[in-house]
Amino acid sequence: MDDQQLEKIREGKGFIAALDQSGGSTPDALAAYGIGRDAYSTDEEMFDLMQAMRSRIALSPAFDGDHVLGAILFEDSVHREVGGLPFADYLWSSKRIVPFLKIDRGLAPVTDGVQLMKPIPDLDALLSLGVKKRVFGTKMRSFIRLADGKGIAAIADQQFAVARQILDVGLVPILEPEISIESPEKEAAEGLLKAAILERLGGLAQGPLIMVKLTLPEIDDFYTELVHHPGILRVLALSGGYTREAANARLAKNHGVIASFSRALTNGLRATQDDAEFNAILSASIKSISEASLT
């Protein structure tokens, strides 16, 4: 673990950019960027187009370490270069932005109101890749649809079990048990999830730090106990389908929580924009999210 990166994540002001759209979410991300499905015919072509978008964001002067603390990358991006350097190295050496790696393989079918992560049979190899590529940590997403105690307990058990393996290799895990913003039981699910996380934090060996990435809650400052917990490095908020304006407004009411937005970050960016327009829109987005993360 790099001490300078640890200090930046622990004390820095700003947010974590989520640039980790996977195979399932890439078509929608490209469509929002103005690139339709008729522009590519293979996964390789699709990922090339997605990487071009990510590279344009990373190379933009608006994407700087004064506002962006870290960036979560998809595995495909970690293998690629930006600015003549491996992506993760470019982020840290050129921008002072701490790199993370998405490691989950998508979601399993719904059981007990939740979707666990699919098995990660190549987890050891993925973690070795992360260490080799000098990322600081990892991210893994599950999905909660209903306030089902059994399902949420299973989500928490799985997230913490994998987190222990990540900690063992010296990386910092971001646990992301997302709650659907459309859930009819969203507030109740938030209560069950917070209790499940607090209960399992005591089972970690003393000293390791994790991060948690959560849906913006219905009750302001609902996750304060997690923000101040000695075992949690930072609490992040996902946008989850809220517009940037709505996500920022909710985020500003949750003190100590910082953003880790994807769609809300890139909204308004288009492949056809010239650099001046692209950078201006990205800059406005970054500044608004950064400001909302300062409370």
Protein backbone atom coordinates (compact mmCIF):
# COMPACT_ATOMS: atom_id res chain seq x y z
CA MET A 1 0.00 0.00 0.00
CA ASP A 2 1.38 3.37 -1.03
CA ASP A 3 1.45 5.73 1.97
CA GLN A 4 1.01 8.84 -0.18
CA GLN A 5 -2.04 7.35 -1.84
CA LEU A 6 -3.43 6.27 1.53
CA GLU A 7 -3.04 9.79 2.87
CA LYS A 8 -4.72 11.27 -0.20
CA ILE A 9 -7.73 8.97 0.10
CA ARG A 10 -7.96 9.45 3.87
CA GLU A 11 -7.58 13.23 4.01
CA GLY A 12 -8.16 14.54 0.47
CA LYS A 13 -11.03 16.75 -0.59
CA GLY A 14 -12.85 15.68 -3.72
CA PHE A 15 -14.44 12.48 -4.97
CA ILE A 16 -13.79 9.11 -6.61
CA ALA A 17 -14.60 8.92 -10.31
CA ALA A 18 -16.20 5.65 -11.46
CA LEU A 19 -14.82 4.86 -14.92
CA ASP A 20 -15.51 1.13 -14.62
CA GLN A 21 -18.42 0.46 -16.96
CA SER A 22 -18.34 -3.27 -17.68
CA GLY A 23 -19.49 -5.31 -20.65
CA GLY A 24 -23.12 -5.16 -19.57
CA SER A 25 -23.26 -1.41 -18.96
CA THR A 26 -20.92 -0.27 -21.74
CA PRO A 27 -23.55 -0.10 -24.54
CA ASP A 28 -25.71 2.27 -22.49
CA ALA A 29 -22.68 4.37 -21.52
CA LEU A 30 -21.64 4.65 -25.15
CA ALA A 31 -25.18 5.49 -26.23
CA ALA A 32 -25.29 8.32 -23.69
CA TYR A 33 -21.97 9.50 -25.16
CA GLY A 34 -23.57 9.57 -28.60
CA ILE A 35 -22.20 6.29 -29.97
CA GLY A 36 -24.95 3.86 -30.99
CA ARG A 37 -24.77 0.08 -31.22
CA ASP A 38 -24.41 0.36 -34.99
CA ALA A 39 -20.93 1.84 -34.49
CA TYR A 40 -19.43 -1.50 -33.42
CA SER A 41 -20.00 -5.17 -34.16
CA THR A 42 -17.70 -6.93 -31.68
CA ASP A 43 -16.88 -6.62 -27.99
CA GLU A 44 -13.34 -5.63 -28.91
CA GLU A 45 -14.61 -2.70 -31.00
CA MET A 46 -17.01 -1.74 -28.20
CA PHE A 47 -14.25 -1.70 -25.58
CA ASP A 48 -11.98 0.29 -27.91
CA LEU A 49 -14.66 2.98 -28.15
CA MET A 50 -15.22 2.92 -24.39
CA GLN A 51 -11.50 3.22 -23.77
CA ALA A 52 -11.34 6.21 -26.10
CA MET A 53 -13.98 7.91 -23.96
CA ARG A 54 -12.18 7.06 -20.72
CA SER A 55 -8.86 8.23 -22.13
CA ARG A 56 -10.40 11.52 -23.24
CA ILE A 57 -11.71 12.07 -19.72
CA ALA A 58 -8.39 11.14 -18.10
CA LEU A 59 -6.37 13.36 -20.43
CA SER A 60 -8.67 16.35 -19.96
CA PRO A 61 -7.17 19.21 -17.91
CA ALA A 62 -10.47 19.25 -16.02
CA PHE A 63 -9.74 15.76 -14.66
CA ASP A 64 -7.20 16.70 -12.01
CA GLY A 65 -6.09 15.54 -8.61
CA ASP A 66 -7.30 18.71 -6.92
CA HIS A 67 -10.91 17.60 -7.37
CA VAL A 68 -10.66 13.88 -8.17
CA LEU A 69 -9.11 11.77 -5.41
CA GLY A 70 -9.29 8.45 -7.22
CA ALA A 71 -10.68 6.64 -10.23
CA ILE A 72 -12.14 3.14 -10.49
CA LEU A 73 -11.09 1.35 -13.67
CA PHE A 74 -12.51 -1.62 -15.55
CA GLU A 75 -10.06 -4.50 -16.03
CA ASP A 76 -9.78 -3.79 -19.76
CA SER A 77 -8.55 -0.26 -19.02
CA VAL A 78 -5.88 -1.46 -16.60
CA HIS A 79 -4.27 -3.36 -19.48
CA ARG A 80 -4.19 -0.25 -21.67
CA GLU A 81 -2.10 2.90 -21.84
CA VAL A 82 -2.98 6.57 -21.54
CA GLY A 83 -0.49 9.32 -22.26
CA GLY A 84 2.19 6.72 -23.03
CA LEU A 85 1.87 5.04 -19.60
CA PRO A 86 -0.16 2.17 -18.17
CA PHE A 87 -3.53 3.69 -17.21
CA ALA A 88 -3.09 3.29 -13.45
CA ASP A 89 0.44 4.73 -13.55
CA TYR A 90 -0.72 7.67 -15.66
CA LEU A 91 -3.45 8.54 -13.17
CA TRP A 92 -1.06 8.68 -10.23
CA SER A 93 2.15 9.99 -11.78
CA SER A 94 0.55 12.59 -14.04
CA LYS A 95 -2.62 13.56 -12.18
CA ARG A 96 -2.09 12.40 -8.57
CA ILE A 97 -5.33 10.46 -8.86
CA VAL A 98 -5.38 7.15 -6.96
CA PRO A 99 -6.28 4.12 -9.15
CA PHE A 100 -8.72 1.35 -8.22
CA LEU A 101 -9.73 -1.82 -10.10
CA LYS A 102 -13.26 -3.21 -10.48
CA ILE A 103 -13.09 -6.94 -9.74
CA ASP A 104 -16.64 -8.30 -9.70
CA ARG A 105 -17.98 -10.36 -12.61
CA GLY A 106 -21.53 -9.06 -12.53
CA LEU A 107 -24.65 -10.01 -10.64
CA ALA A 108 -26.28 -13.36 -9.96
CA PRO A 109 -30.06 -13.82 -10.39
CA VAL A 110 -32.39 -12.39 -7.73
CA THR A 111 -32.64 -14.46 -4.55
CA ASP A 112 -34.26 -13.25 -1.30
CA GLY A 113 -34.71 -9.78 -2.76
CA VAL A 114 -31.03 -9.28 -3.64
CA GLN A 115 -28.46 -10.06 -6.29
CA LEU A 116 -25.20 -11.44 -4.98
CA MET A 117 -22.01 -11.13 -6.99
CA LYS A 118 -21.41 -13.92 -9.44
CA PRO A 119 -18.51 -16.16 -8.41
CA ILE A 120 -15.08 -14.73 -9.20
CA PRO A 121 -13.10 -17.87 -10.09
CA ASP A 122 -10.07 -15.84 -11.17
CA LEU A 123 -10.00 -13.63 -8.08
CA ASP A 124 -6.39 -14.50 -7.22
CA ALA A 125 -5.29 -13.61 -10.74
CA LEU A 126 -7.27 -10.36 -10.65
CA LEU A 127 -5.70 -9.35 -7.36
CA SER A 128 -2.25 -10.23 -8.69
CA LEU A 129 -3.00 -8.02 -11.69
CA GLY A 130 -4.01 -5.19 -9.37
CA VAL A 131 -0.77 -5.47 -7.41
CA LYS A 132 1.29 -5.69 -10.62
CA LYS A 133 -0.45 -2.66 -12.15
CA ARG A 134 0.00 -0.70 -8.91
CA VAL A 135 -3.63 0.01 -8.13
CA PHE A 136 -4.43 1.08 -4.58
CA GLY A 137 -7.60 -0.91 -4.15
CA THR A 138 -10.54 -2.71 -5.70
CA LYS A 139 -14.31 -2.35 -6.04
CA MET A 140 -17.08 -4.97 -6.08
CA ARG A 141 -20.82 -4.45 -6.53
CA SER A 142 -23.88 -6.31 -5.28
CA PHE A 143 -27.50 -5.17 -5.63
CA ILE A 144 -30.35 -4.96 -3.11
CA ARG A 145 -33.95 -4.73 -4.32
CA LEU A 146 -35.95 -5.38 -1.14
CA ALA A 147 -35.56 -5.14 2.63
CA ASP A 148 -35.08 -8.87 3.05
CA GLY A 149 -33.00 -9.63 6.13
CA LYS A 150 -31.77 -12.96 4.84
CA GLY A 151 -30.77 -11.54 1.48
CA ILE A 152 -29.00 -8.50 2.92
CA ALA A 153 -27.12 -10.70 5.39
CA ALA A 154 -25.95 -12.85 2.46
CA ILE A 155 -24.81 -9.72 0.59
CA ALA A 156 -22.81 -8.53 3.60
CA ASP A 157 -21.29 -11.97 4.23
CA GLN A 158 -20.13 -12.24 0.62
CA GLN A 159 -18.75 -8.71 0.46
CA PHE A 160 -16.75 -9.10 3.68
CA ALA A 161 -15.47 -12.57 2.74
CA VAL A 162 -14.00 -11.24 -0.50
CA ALA A 163 -12.76 -8.10 1.29
CA ARG A 164 -10.60 -10.26 3.56
CA GLN A 165 -8.92 -11.82 0.53
CA ILE A 166 -8.28 -8.37 -0.93
CA LEU A 167 -6.80 -7.09 2.33
CA ASP A 168 -4.52 -10.12 2.48
CA VAL A 169 -2.69 -8.98 -0.68
CA GLY A 170 -2.31 -5.41 0.58
CA LEU A 171 -5.08 -3.75 -1.45
CA VAL A 172 -7.96 -1.68 -0.07
CA PRO A 173 -11.42 -3.05 -0.92
CA ILE A 174 -14.39 -0.86 -1.77
CA LEU A 175 -17.55 -2.76 -0.80
CA GLU A 176 -20.51 -1.68 -2.94
CA PRO A 177 -23.81 -3.22 -1.78
CA GLU A 178 -26.01 -0.91 -3.86
CA ILE A 179 -29.67 -0.44 -2.91
CA SER A 180 -32.02 0.26 -5.80
CA ILE A 181 -33.34 3.81 -5.74
CA GLU A 182 -36.61 2.33 -7.07
CA SER A 183 -37.01 -0.11 -4.19
CA PRO A 184 -40.38 0.24 -2.43
CA GLU A 185 -38.50 -0.69 0.76
CA LYS A 186 -35.43 1.48 0.27
CA GLU A 187 -35.35 3.10 3.72
CA ALA A 188 -35.89 -0.21 5.51
CA ALA A 189 -33.19 -1.85 3.40
CA GLU A 190 -30.78 0.93 4.38
CA GLY A 191 -31.38 0.18 8.05
CA LEU A 192 -30.75 -3.53 7.59
CA LEU A 193 -27.64 -2.91 5.51
CA LYS A 194 -26.06 -0.46 7.95
CA ALA A 195 -26.60 -2.88 10.83
CA ALA A 196 -25.12 -5.74 8.80
CA ILE A 197 -22.00 -3.72 7.93
CA LEU A 198 -21.45 -2.55 11.51
CA GLU A 199 -21.83 -6.11 12.81
CA ARG A 200 -19.25 -7.51 10.40
CA LEU A 201 -16.67 -4.76 10.81
CA GLY A 202 -15.76 -6.27 14.17
CA GLY A 203 -14.78 -9.50 12.44
CA LEU A 204 -11.94 -7.91 10.50
CA ALA A 205 -8.46 -8.18 11.90
CA GLN A 206 -7.54 -5.02 13.81
CA GLY A 207 -5.98 -2.42 11.57
CA PRO A 208 -7.20 -3.17 8.02
CA LEU A 209 -9.18 -0.40 6.41
CA ILE A 210 -12.02 -0.85 3.97
CA MET A 211 -14.15 1.59 2.01
CA VAL A 212 -17.90 1.33 1.44
CA LYS A 213 -19.86 2.70 -1.51
CA LEU A 214 -23.55 3.11 -0.79
CA THR A 215 -26.74 4.44 -2.32
CA LEU A 216 -27.61 7.94 -1.10
CA PRO A 217 -29.93 7.38 1.88
CA GLU A 218 -33.48 8.56 2.57
CA ILE A 219 -32.49 9.99 5.96
CA ASP A 220 -29.78 12.67 5.92
CA ASP A 221 -26.53 11.65 7.67
CA PHE A 222 -27.85 8.10 8.06
CA TYR A 223 -24.37 6.65 7.57
CA THR A 224 -22.59 8.86 10.13
CA GLU A 225 -21.64 5.81 12.22
CA LEU A 226 -19.84 4.38 9.21
CA VAL A 227 -18.16 7.71 8.38
CA HIS A 228 -16.61 7.81 11.85
CA HIS A 229 -15.88 4.09 12.24
CA PRO A 230 -12.13 3.42 12.72
CA GLY A 231 -12.25 0.44 10.35
CA ILE A 232 -13.61 2.45 7.41
CA LEU A 233 -11.28 4.63 5.37
CA ARG A 234 -13.98 6.55 3.48
CA VAL A 235 -17.70 6.28 2.82
CA LEU A 236 -18.59 6.85 -0.83
CA ALA A 237 -21.95 7.52 -2.45
CA LEU A 238 -23.07 6.19 -5.81
CA SER A 239 -25.47 8.18 -7.98
CA GLY A 240 -27.60 5.12 -8.68
CA GLY A 241 -29.69 6.65 -11.45
CA TYR A 242 -30.36 9.99 -9.80
CA THR A 243 -29.60 12.98 -12.00
CA ARG A 244 -26.39 14.81 -11.18
CA GLU A 245 -28.37 17.68 -9.66
CA ALA A 246 -30.46 15.37 -7.48
CA ALA A 247 -27.44 13.27 -6.47
CA ASN A 248 -25.42 16.36 -5.56
CA ALA A 249 -28.29 17.77 -3.50
CA ARG A 250 -28.66 14.52 -1.55
CA LEU A 251 -24.91 14.15 -1.15
CA ALA A 252 -24.48 17.64 0.30
CA LYS A 253 -26.84 16.66 3.14
CA ASN A 254 -24.69 13.66 4.13
CA HIS A 255 -21.68 15.02 5.97
CA GLY A 256 -18.39 13.18 5.56
CA VAL A 257 -19.64 11.14 2.59
CA ILE A 258 -17.98 11.77 -0.79
CA ALA A 259 -19.19 10.95 -4.28
CA SER A 260 -18.21 8.05 -6.47
CA PHE A 261 -20.35 8.82 -9.50
CA SER A 262 -20.38 7.28 -12.98
CA ARG A 263 -23.44 8.30 -15.01
CA ALA A 264 -23.81 11.54 -13.04
CA LEU A 265 -20.17 12.37 -13.80
CA THR A 266 -20.28 11.80 -17.56
CA ASN A 267 -23.78 13.12 -18.23
CA GLY A 268 -23.67 15.71 -21.02
CA LEU A 269 -20.44 14.49 -22.61
CA ARG A 270 -20.64 13.60 -26.32
CA ALA A 271 -18.16 12.07 -28.73
CA THR A 272 -18.90 14.81 -31.28
CA GLN A 273 -17.94 17.69 -28.98
CA ASP A 274 -14.70 19.51 -29.68
CA ASP A 275 -12.14 19.58 -26.89
CA ALA A 276 -13.15 23.02 -25.64
CA GLU A 277 -16.81 22.06 -25.21
CA PHE A 278 -15.99 18.60 -23.84
CA ASN A 279 -13.57 20.00 -21.26
CA ALA A 280 -15.94 22.77 -20.21
CA ILE A 281 -18.80 20.35 -19.57
CA LEU A 282 -16.54 17.89 -17.75
CA SER A 283 -15.06 20.70 -15.65
CA ALA A 284 -18.50 21.93 -14.57
CA SER A 285 -19.54 18.37 -13.69
CA ILE A 286 -16.37 17.71 -11.69
CA LYS A 287 -16.58 20.98 -9.78
CA SER A 288 -20.22 20.49 -8.84
CA ILE A 289 -19.62 16.93 -7.60
CA SER A 290 -16.48 17.99 -5.74
CA GLU A 291 -18.34 20.82 -4.01
CA ALA A 292 -21.16 18.48 -2.96
CA SER A 293 -18.52 16.14 -1.48
CA LEU A 294 -17.05 18.84 0.78
CA THR A 295 -19.78 18.87 3.43
